[in-house]
Amino acid sequence: MKFNAGNELRERCGLSEYLREREGSWGNKENVGVDVLEKYSNHPDRHVIGAILENKKCTPELVAKIAGRLASSPDPADRLTVASSGESCPPELIRQFCSDNDESVRAKAAEHCSADMFEVLALDKSVKVRTVLVSRRDLTESIAATLARDESFDVRRVLAFPRKPSILSILARDPEIEIRWLVLRPRGECPAEVLDLMADDESEKIRIAVAKKGNCMPATYEKLAADTEVKVRAELAQNSDCPESILIRLANDPDKRVRECLGRFGASGMFASLDPSLMRDLARDVEPEVRRTIGRRKDCPVDLLQTLAIDSDFDVRCSVAANEVCPSDLLRIFAIEPDAWIRKLVGGNTVCPSDLLAMLATDESDDVREAVADNKNCPDALLERLRHDKAPSVFGAALRTIHSR
């Protein structure tokens, strides 16, 4: 390579990099004018040609000139360069490239073609081309319906993201569970009519996911409440959007796991409270596991807690003793229970009165005294006394509570 004074430096050190800058400058030192683009429009380096076509100063006449020359090139890389110019490429050439022999050229044309070419590309033998086509936001509903039944998994997978209910309804019956799962988990809310279809899905996993949705039709909730799988009904029992009539039905479900889940409905405080009449029904359930869920609830009525406090099942009584809305009079009864475990639950309950904590701080059980020392509402004077307790677990808990303050 030879350099003589006066020659353009850009000719000697990488024109493609020079012209590839979209803002028409190289190192912010010079501007590329239309005359430079014209001069190098026949350059053999396709990167240079691509940069010229992308340049904002490239005139429509120059684009048409370059595109016309390369559109008939036997090298598919040249035709791909033209097709990649997107909106700058003349529409008639894009239509021509939709029937090109090269797959990559057709795929690139599918990104920029007008709607009148959708039908041609929907029948293309290449999965790559059809996959590019279904990613178009302006895809017509009729073409989308055709491609929703495409033999290619990849085509249907791309199509499964938010579409009109008519398209999702087709995909909701797809033989591949992965496709049906994508329909159920779009970026937007799945339409109610599609959820109704998927409530009949053969997959338990799909039906469970439907049971979690908040925009189902009443008929869909009815269908799920009659599902043969316990897990589906149990999930529905925890759905805060489930109609009350369905919840009442689930309160009489033959499987205790469903009733137990209903007892936990909204117990975390994240959802609406459970209706008191339903809580009363569940508090009379024959299964202690169900009654226990009511004893734990923060919205449980006081009279119901009093009933559960004398329940025949030990664990049910424990759930009441640990409940932070348990009345003081019940806590005082629990504090003299012969079983140390219940006394420990009272000592750890944050609503336990100070005088009751003081009494439990002298309990013969190390576990009970430790629970008092762990109680975040334990008075300072009581903590100071427990700090000198003979049991390591007790004075250790007291020190941790003191340190946390």
Protein backbone atom coordinates (compact mmCIF):
# COMPACT_ATOMS: atom_id res chain seq x y z
CA MET A 1 0.00 0.00 0.00
CA LYS A 2 1.25 3.38 -0.94
CA PHE A 3 0.27 6.71 0.54
CA ASN A 4 0.83 10.01 -1.21
CA ALA A 5 0.18 13.45 0.19
CA GLY A 6 -3.24 14.71 -0.84
CA ASN A 7 -4.92 11.29 -0.99
CA GLU A 8 -7.94 10.84 1.24
CA LEU A 9 -6.84 9.15 4.44
CA ARG A 10 -10.13 7.27 4.67
CA GLU A 11 -9.30 5.45 1.40
CA ARG A 12 -6.19 3.99 3.04
CA CYS A 13 -7.41 3.05 6.51
CA GLY A 14 -10.77 1.37 6.52
CA LEU A 15 -13.57 2.94 4.55
CA SER A 16 -16.09 0.43 5.88
CA GLU A 17 -15.45 1.63 9.44
CA TYR A 18 -15.56 5.20 8.21
CA LEU A 19 -18.91 4.83 6.51
CA ARG A 20 -20.48 2.49 9.05
CA GLU A 21 -20.99 5.36 11.50
CA ARG A 22 -24.73 6.12 11.51
CA GLU A 23 -24.20 9.78 12.37
CA GLY A 24 -22.10 10.26 9.26
CA SER A 25 -18.85 11.00 11.05
CA TRP A 26 -15.63 9.21 11.88
CA GLY A 27 -14.08 10.17 15.19
CA ASN A 28 -16.14 13.40 14.99
CA LYS A 29 -13.48 14.85 12.72
CA GLU A 30 -15.19 14.83 9.33
CA ASN A 31 -18.70 14.57 7.96
CA VAL A 32 -19.55 12.12 5.21
CA GLY A 33 -21.24 14.02 2.46
CA VAL A 34 -23.56 12.70 -0.25
CA ASP A 35 -20.68 13.05 -2.72
CA VAL A 36 -18.60 10.56 -0.69
CA LEU A 37 -21.52 8.12 -0.55
CA GLU A 38 -22.00 8.45 -4.31
CA LYS A 39 -18.30 7.94 -4.94
CA TYR A 40 -18.15 4.64 -3.05
CA SER A 41 -21.56 3.26 -4.02
CA ASN A 42 -19.83 0.65 -6.24
CA HIS A 43 -17.34 -0.44 -3.60
CA PRO A 44 -16.80 -4.23 -3.54
CA ASP A 45 -16.89 -4.42 0.28
CA ARG A 46 -20.50 -5.24 1.25
CA HIS A 47 -19.89 -3.71 4.70
CA VAL A 48 -19.23 -0.42 2.96
CA ILE A 49 -22.40 -0.78 0.88
CA GLY A 50 -24.39 -1.64 3.99
CA ALA A 51 -23.02 1.42 5.75
CA ILE A 52 -23.95 3.62 2.80
CA LEU A 53 -27.52 2.27 2.75
CA GLU A 54 -27.86 2.89 6.50
CA ASN A 55 -26.43 6.39 6.33
CA LYS A 56 -29.02 9.09 6.99
CA LYS A 57 -27.69 11.18 4.13
CA CYS A 58 -28.11 8.45 1.57
CA THR A 59 -30.73 9.72 -0.91
CA PRO A 60 -33.64 7.55 -2.14
CA GLU A 61 -32.18 7.76 -5.64
CA LEU A 62 -28.84 6.36 -4.43
CA VAL A 63 -30.59 3.61 -2.45
CA ALA A 64 -32.57 2.63 -5.53
CA LYS A 65 -29.41 2.62 -7.63
CA ILE A 66 -27.47 0.40 -5.22
CA ALA A 67 -30.45 -1.88 -4.52
CA GLY A 68 -31.19 -2.31 -8.21
CA ARG A 69 -27.59 -3.33 -8.88
CA LEU A 70 -27.32 -5.83 -6.02
CA ALA A 71 -30.86 -7.24 -6.14
CA SER A 72 -29.92 -9.40 -9.11
CA SER A 73 -26.49 -10.38 -7.77
CA PRO A 74 -25.85 -14.14 -7.75
CA ASP A 75 -24.28 -13.78 -4.30
CA PRO A 76 -27.03 -14.09 -1.64
CA ALA A 77 -24.89 -11.98 0.72
CA ASP A 78 -25.34 -9.01 -1.64
CA ARG A 79 -29.10 -9.50 -1.78
CA LEU A 80 -29.18 -9.83 2.01
CA THR A 81 -27.34 -6.51 2.30
CA VAL A 82 -30.10 -4.82 0.32
CA ALA A 83 -32.91 -6.58 2.19
CA SER A 84 -31.34 -5.53 5.49
CA SER A 85 -31.68 -1.86 4.61
CA GLY A 86 -35.29 -2.15 5.75
CA GLU A 87 -37.53 0.83 5.09
CA SER A 88 -34.92 2.35 2.79
CA CYS A 89 -35.23 -0.58 0.39
CA PRO A 90 -37.76 -0.06 -2.43
CA PRO A 91 -41.02 -1.98 -1.70
CA GLU A 92 -40.92 -3.77 -5.04
CA LEU A 93 -37.53 -5.28 -4.15
CA ILE A 94 -38.79 -6.40 -0.74
CA ARG A 95 -41.63 -8.21 -2.51
CA GLN A 96 -39.08 -9.76 -4.85
CA PHE A 97 -36.94 -10.93 -1.93
CA CYS A 98 -39.97 -12.64 -0.35
CA SER A 99 -39.57 -15.28 -3.09
CA ASP A 100 -35.76 -15.35 -3.06
CA ASN A 101 -33.99 -18.69 -3.24
CA ASP A 102 -31.98 -17.91 -0.10
CA GLU A 103 -33.66 -18.52 3.26
CA SER A 104 -31.88 -15.66 5.04
CA VAL A 105 -32.92 -13.17 2.36
CA ARG A 106 -36.57 -14.25 2.62
CA ALA A 107 -36.41 -14.07 6.41
CA LYS A 108 -35.02 -10.54 6.28
CA ALA A 109 -37.71 -9.55 3.76
CA ALA A 110 -40.34 -10.97 6.17
CA GLU A 111 -39.30 -8.31 8.69
CA HIS A 112 -40.10 -5.41 6.33
CA CYS A 113 -42.66 -6.63 3.80
CA SER A 114 -46.18 -5.21 3.50
CA ALA A 115 -49.29 -7.12 4.58
CA ASP A 116 -50.05 -8.29 1.04
CA MET A 117 -47.03 -10.64 1.26
CA PHE A 118 -48.04 -12.27 4.56
CA GLU A 119 -50.00 -15.04 2.86
CA VAL A 120 -47.04 -15.96 0.65
CA LEU A 121 -44.62 -16.07 3.56
CA ALA A 122 -47.05 -18.02 5.78
CA LEU A 123 -46.71 -20.89 3.29
CA ASP A 124 -42.94 -20.63 3.10
CA LYS A 125 -41.20 -23.98 3.55
CA SER A 126 -38.61 -22.43 5.89
CA VAL A 127 -39.35 -22.47 9.62
CA LYS A 128 -36.98 -19.52 10.02
CA VAL A 129 -39.04 -17.40 7.65
CA ARG A 130 -42.37 -18.33 9.26
CA THR A 131 -40.92 -17.68 12.73
CA VAL A 132 -39.86 -14.17 11.67
CA LEU A 133 -43.32 -13.59 10.21
CA VAL A 134 -45.22 -14.51 13.41
CA SER A 135 -43.09 -12.05 15.38
CA ARG A 136 -44.61 -9.18 13.37
CA ARG A 137 -46.82 -6.98 15.54
CA ASP A 138 -49.01 -6.12 12.55
CA LEU A 139 -49.71 -9.75 11.64
CA THR A 140 -53.30 -10.11 10.45
CA GLU A 141 -55.69 -12.30 12.43
CA SER A 142 -56.35 -14.64 9.50
CA ILE A 143 -52.64 -15.33 8.96
CA ALA A 144 -52.11 -15.74 12.70
CA ALA A 145 -54.93 -18.30 12.79
CA THR A 146 -53.22 -20.25 10.01
CA LEU A 147 -49.83 -20.18 11.74
CA ALA A 148 -51.41 -21.14 15.08
CA ARG A 149 -51.80 -24.59 13.55
CA ASP A 150 -48.29 -24.62 12.07
CA GLU A 151 -46.40 -27.91 12.28
CA SER A 152 -43.38 -26.15 13.75
CA PHE A 153 -43.18 -25.87 17.54
CA ASP A 154 -40.98 -22.74 17.27
CA VAL A 155 -43.55 -20.93 15.12
CA ARG A 156 -46.39 -21.68 17.53
CA ARG A 157 -44.19 -20.81 20.52
CA VAL A 158 -43.51 -17.29 19.21
CA LEU A 159 -47.20 -16.86 18.36
CA ALA A 160 -48.30 -17.79 21.89
CA PHE A 161 -47.49 -14.38 23.33
CA PRO A 162 -50.30 -11.80 23.68
CA ARG A 163 -52.70 -12.13 20.78
CA LYS A 164 -56.42 -11.84 20.22
CA PRO A 165 -58.61 -14.36 22.10
CA SER A 166 -59.43 -16.18 18.86
CA ILE A 167 -55.74 -17.02 18.28
CA LEU A 168 -55.08 -17.94 21.91
CA SER A 169 -58.14 -20.19 21.84
CA ILE A 170 -56.53 -22.23 19.06
CA LEU A 171 -53.23 -22.44 20.92
CA ALA A 172 -55.05 -23.35 24.14
CA ARG A 173 -55.78 -26.71 22.50
CA ASP A 174 -52.23 -27.20 21.23
CA PRO A 175 -50.92 -30.77 21.62
CA GLU A 176 -47.72 -29.47 23.26
CA ILE A 177 -48.12 -28.54 26.92
CA GLU A 178 -45.27 -26.02 26.60
CA ILE A 179 -47.35 -24.03 24.10
CA ARG A 180 -50.47 -24.18 26.28
CA TRP A 181 -48.39 -23.05 29.26
CA LEU A 182 -47.15 -20.02 27.29
CA VAL A 183 -50.75 -19.13 26.45
CA LEU A 184 -51.59 -19.22 30.14
CA ARG A 185 -48.61 -17.08 31.11
CA PRO A 186 -48.57 -14.21 28.60
CA ARG A 187 -47.13 -10.81 29.33
CA GLY A 188 -50.66 -9.53 29.66
CA GLU A 189 -53.76 -10.99 31.28
CA CYS A 190 -55.06 -14.17 29.70
CA PRO A 191 -58.63 -13.61 28.36
CA ALA A 192 -61.42 -15.15 30.45
CA GLU A 193 -62.79 -17.21 27.54
CA VAL A 194 -59.38 -18.77 27.00
CA LEU A 195 -59.09 -19.59 30.71
CA ASP A 196 -62.45 -21.34 30.48
CA LEU A 197 -61.07 -23.59 27.74
CA MET A 198 -57.95 -24.34 29.74
CA ALA A 199 -59.97 -25.30 32.80
CA ASP A 200 -60.67 -28.52 30.89
CA ASP A 201 -57.01 -29.13 30.07
CA GLU A 202 -55.73 -32.68 30.50
CA SER A 203 -52.75 -31.39 32.48
CA GLU A 204 -53.26 -30.94 36.21
CA LYS A 205 -50.48 -28.34 36.18
CA ILE A 206 -52.42 -26.18 33.71
CA ARG A 207 -55.68 -26.46 35.63
CA ILE A 208 -53.94 -25.53 38.89
CA ALA A 209 -52.54 -22.41 37.21
CA VAL A 210 -56.03 -21.49 35.96
CA ALA A 211 -57.38 -21.90 39.51
CA LYS A 212 -55.00 -19.12 40.62
CA LYS A 213 -56.30 -16.60 38.08
CA GLY A 214 -58.49 -13.73 39.21
CA ASN A 215 -60.31 -12.97 35.97
CA CYS A 216 -62.10 -16.28 35.38
CA MET A 217 -65.78 -16.40 34.49
CA PRO A 218 -68.18 -17.72 37.18
CA ALA A 219 -68.73 -20.84 35.09
CA THR A 220 -64.97 -21.46 35.08
CA TYR A 221 -64.81 -21.33 38.88
CA GLU A 222 -67.73 -23.76 39.00
CA LYS A 223 -65.87 -26.10 36.70
CA LEU A 224 -62.72 -25.95 38.80
CA ALA A 225 -64.66 -26.52 42.02
CA ALA A 226 -65.89 -29.80 40.51
CA ASP A 227 -62.43 -30.87 39.33
CA THR A 228 -61.50 -34.45 40.21
CA GLU A 229 -58.01 -33.43 41.34
CA VAL A 230 -57.71 -32.32 44.96
CA LYS A 231 -54.78 -29.99 44.18
CA VAL A 232 -56.91 -27.98 41.75
CA ARG A 233 -59.74 -27.51 44.25
CA ALA A 234 -57.25 -26.73 47.02
CA GLU A 235 -55.66 -23.99 44.93
CA LEU A 236 -59.07 -22.58 44.12
CA ALA A 237 -59.91 -22.51 47.83
CA GLN A 238 -57.06 -20.01 48.33
CA ASN A 239 -58.02 -17.74 45.42
CA SER A 240 -59.08 -14.37 46.82
CA ASP A 241 -61.14 -13.66 43.69
CA CYS A 242 -63.16 -16.85 43.97
CA PRO A 243 -66.92 -16.12 44.41
CA GLU A 244 -68.35 -16.69 47.89
CA SER A 245 -70.81 -19.27 46.57
CA ILE A 246 -67.86 -21.38 45.42
CA LEU A 247 -66.09 -20.97 48.76
CA ILE A 248 -69.21 -22.19 50.58
CA ARG A 249 -69.22 -25.21 48.31
CA LEU A 250 -65.56 -25.87 49.02
CA ALA A 251 -66.20 -25.65 52.76
CA ASN A 252 -68.07 -28.93 52.35
CA ASP A 253 -65.50 -30.54 50.09
CA PRO A 254 -65.03 -34.27 50.80
CA ASP A 255 -61.26 -33.87 51.03
CA LYS A 256 -59.91 -32.29 54.21
CA ARG A 257 -56.95 -30.77 52.32
CA VAL A 258 -59.34 -28.53 50.40
CA ARG A 259 -61.13 -27.45 53.57
CA GLU A 260 -57.78 -26.87 55.25
CA CYS A 261 -56.68 -24.59 52.40
CA LEU A 262 -59.94 -22.72 52.67
CA GLY A 263 -59.23 -22.20 56.37
CA ARG A 264 -55.98 -20.49 55.37
CA PHE A 265 -57.80 -18.22 52.89
CA GLY A 266 -56.42 -14.69 53.34
CA ALA A 267 -54.76 -15.65 56.63
CA SER A 268 -51.51 -13.97 55.60
CA GLY A 269 -53.26 -10.60 55.41
CA MET A 270 -52.47 -10.27 51.71
CA PHE A 271 -56.06 -10.92 50.65
CA ALA A 272 -59.58 -10.25 51.87
CA SER A 273 -60.72 -11.86 55.11
CA LEU A 274 -62.70 -15.06 55.15
CA ASP A 275 -66.41 -14.68 55.80
CA PRO A 276 -67.20 -15.30 59.52
CA SER A 277 -69.97 -17.76 58.66
CA LEU A 278 -67.49 -19.85 56.69
CA MET A 279 -65.04 -19.72 59.58
CA ARG A 280 -67.75 -21.00 61.91
CA ASP A 281 -68.51 -23.88 59.58
CA LEU A 282 -64.84 -24.81 59.36
CA ALA A 283 -64.41 -24.46 63.13
CA ARG A 284 -66.94 -27.31 63.46
CA ASP A 285 -65.14 -29.51 60.96
CA VAL A 286 -64.54 -33.11 61.99
CA GLU A 287 -60.88 -32.86 61.02
CA PRO A 288 -58.67 -31.14 63.62
CA GLU A 289 -56.30 -29.93 60.88
CA VAL A 290 -59.13 -27.81 59.49
CA ARG A 291 -60.14 -26.43 62.90
CA ARG A 292 -56.49 -25.61 63.54
CA THR A 293 -56.36 -23.27 60.51
CA ILE A 294 -59.22 -21.25 61.99
CA GLY A 295 -57.54 -21.07 65.39
CA ARG A 296 -54.52 -19.42 63.74
CA ARG A 297 -56.46 -16.74 61.86
CA LYS A 298 -55.94 -13.10 62.86
CA ASP A 299 -59.50 -12.26 61.82
CA CYS A 300 -61.09 -15.04 63.85
CA PRO A 301 -63.99 -13.76 66.02
CA VAL A 302 -63.33 -13.78 69.77
CA ASP A 303 -66.28 -16.08 70.54
CA LEU A 304 -64.96 -18.57 68.03
CA LEU A 305 -61.51 -18.46 69.60
CA GLN A 306 -63.15 -19.16 72.97
CA THR A 307 -64.85 -22.21 71.49
CA LEU A 308 -61.63 -23.48 69.96
CA ALA A 309 -59.74 -22.86 73.21
CA ILE A 310 -61.59 -25.81 74.74
CA ASP A 311 -61.31 -28.01 71.66
CA SER A 312 -60.67 -31.69 72.26
CA ASP A 313 -57.61 -31.58 70.02
CA PHE A 314 -54.41 -30.37 71.68
CA ASP A 315 -53.00 -28.81 68.48
CA VAL A 316 -56.16 -26.78 67.95
CA ARG A 317 -55.83 -25.31 71.45
CA CYS A 318 -52.16 -24.56 70.72
CA SER A 319 -53.11 -22.63 67.59
CA VAL A 320 -55.35 -20.38 69.71
CA ALA A 321 -52.69 -19.89 72.39
CA ALA A 322 -50.20 -18.69 69.75
CA ASN A 323 -52.71 -16.44 67.98
CA GLU A 324 -51.77 -12.77 68.41
CA VAL A 325 -55.44 -11.75 68.66
CA CYS A 326 -56.11 -14.18 71.49
CA PRO A 327 -57.91 -12.36 74.37
CA SER A 328 -56.03 -11.91 77.65
CA ASP A 329 -58.54 -13.97 79.62
CA LEU A 330 -57.89 -16.97 77.38
CA LEU A 331 -54.13 -16.49 77.67
CA ARG A 332 -54.45 -16.55 81.46
CA ILE A 333 -56.27 -19.86 81.25
CA PHE A 334 -53.64 -21.28 78.92
CA ALA A 335 -50.86 -20.02 81.22
CA ILE A 336 -51.89 -22.49 83.92
CA GLU A 337 -52.25 -25.46 81.56
CA PRO A 338 -50.35 -28.52 82.81
CA ASP A 339 -48.69 -28.94 79.43
CA ALA A 340 -45.49 -26.85 79.20
CA TRP A 341 -45.82 -26.51 75.42
CA ILE A 342 -49.00 -24.42 75.69
CA ARG A 343 -47.47 -22.29 78.44
CA LYS A 344 -44.47 -21.74 76.14
CA LEU A 345 -46.77 -20.52 73.34
CA VAL A 346 -48.38 -18.06 75.74
CA GLY A 347 -44.96 -16.80 76.87
CA GLY A 348 -43.96 -16.20 73.27
CA ASN A 349 -47.22 -14.50 72.27
CA THR A 350 -46.55 -10.78 71.72
CA VAL A 351 -49.96 -9.79 73.15
CA CYS A 352 -49.32 -11.53 76.46
CA PRO A 353 -49.81 -9.02 79.37
CA SER A 354 -46.74 -7.99 81.36
CA ASP A 355 -48.00 -9.48 84.62
CA LEU A 356 -48.58 -12.80 82.90
CA LEU A 357 -45.10 -12.71 81.41
CA ALA A 358 -43.71 -12.07 84.89
CA MET A 359 -45.55 -15.13 86.16
CA LEU A 360 -44.29 -17.31 83.31
CA ALA A 361 -40.75 -16.01 83.88
CA THR A 362 -40.73 -18.08 87.06
CA ASP A 363 -42.06 -21.22 85.39
CA GLU A 364 -40.27 -24.46 86.20
CA SER A 365 -39.81 -25.22 82.48
CA ASP A 366 -36.70 -23.78 80.84
CA ASP A 367 -38.56 -23.69 77.50
CA VAL A 368 -41.31 -21.48 78.94
CA ARG A 369 -38.85 -19.01 80.47
CA GLU A 370 -36.86 -18.97 77.20
CA ALA A 371 -40.04 -18.09 75.27
CA VAL A 372 -40.63 -15.16 77.64
CA ALA A 373 -37.03 -13.99 77.16
CA ASP A 374 -37.49 -14.22 73.38
CA ASN A 375 -40.72 -12.20 73.44
CA LYS A 376 -40.03 -8.84 71.79
CA ASN A 377 -42.52 -7.15 74.16
CA CYS A 378 -40.91 -8.49 77.31
CA PRO A 379 -40.36 -5.62 79.83
CA ASP A 380 -36.76 -4.49 80.40
CA ALA A 381 -36.85 -5.26 84.12
CA LEU A 382 -37.98 -8.80 83.41
CA LEU A 383 -35.25 -9.26 80.81
CA GLU A 384 -32.68 -8.08 83.32
CA ARG A 385 -33.85 -10.77 85.73
CA LEU A 386 -33.86 -13.46 83.02
CA ARG A 387 -30.36 -12.39 82.02
CA HIS A 388 -29.19 -14.03 85.25
CA ASP A 389 -31.23 -17.21 84.82
CA LYS A 390 -29.44 -20.47 85.61
CA ALA A 391 -30.41 -22.05 82.25
CA PRO A 392 -28.02 -21.10 79.39
CA SER A 393 -30.85 -21.13 76.84
CA VAL A 394 -32.83 -18.64 78.92
CA PHE A 395 -30.10 -16.10 79.66
CA GLY A 396 -28.89 -16.48 76.05
CA ALA A 397 -32.36 -15.56 74.75
CA ALA A 398 -32.55 -12.61 77.15
CA LEU A 399 -29.19 -11.30 75.97
CA ARG A 400 -30.29 -11.57 72.32
CA THR A 401 -33.48 -9.62 73.03
CA ILE A 402 -31.60 -6.95 75.00
CA HIS A 403 -29.03 -6.64 72.20
CA SER A 404 -31.78 -6.28 69.57
CA ARG A 405 -33.08 -3.20 71.39
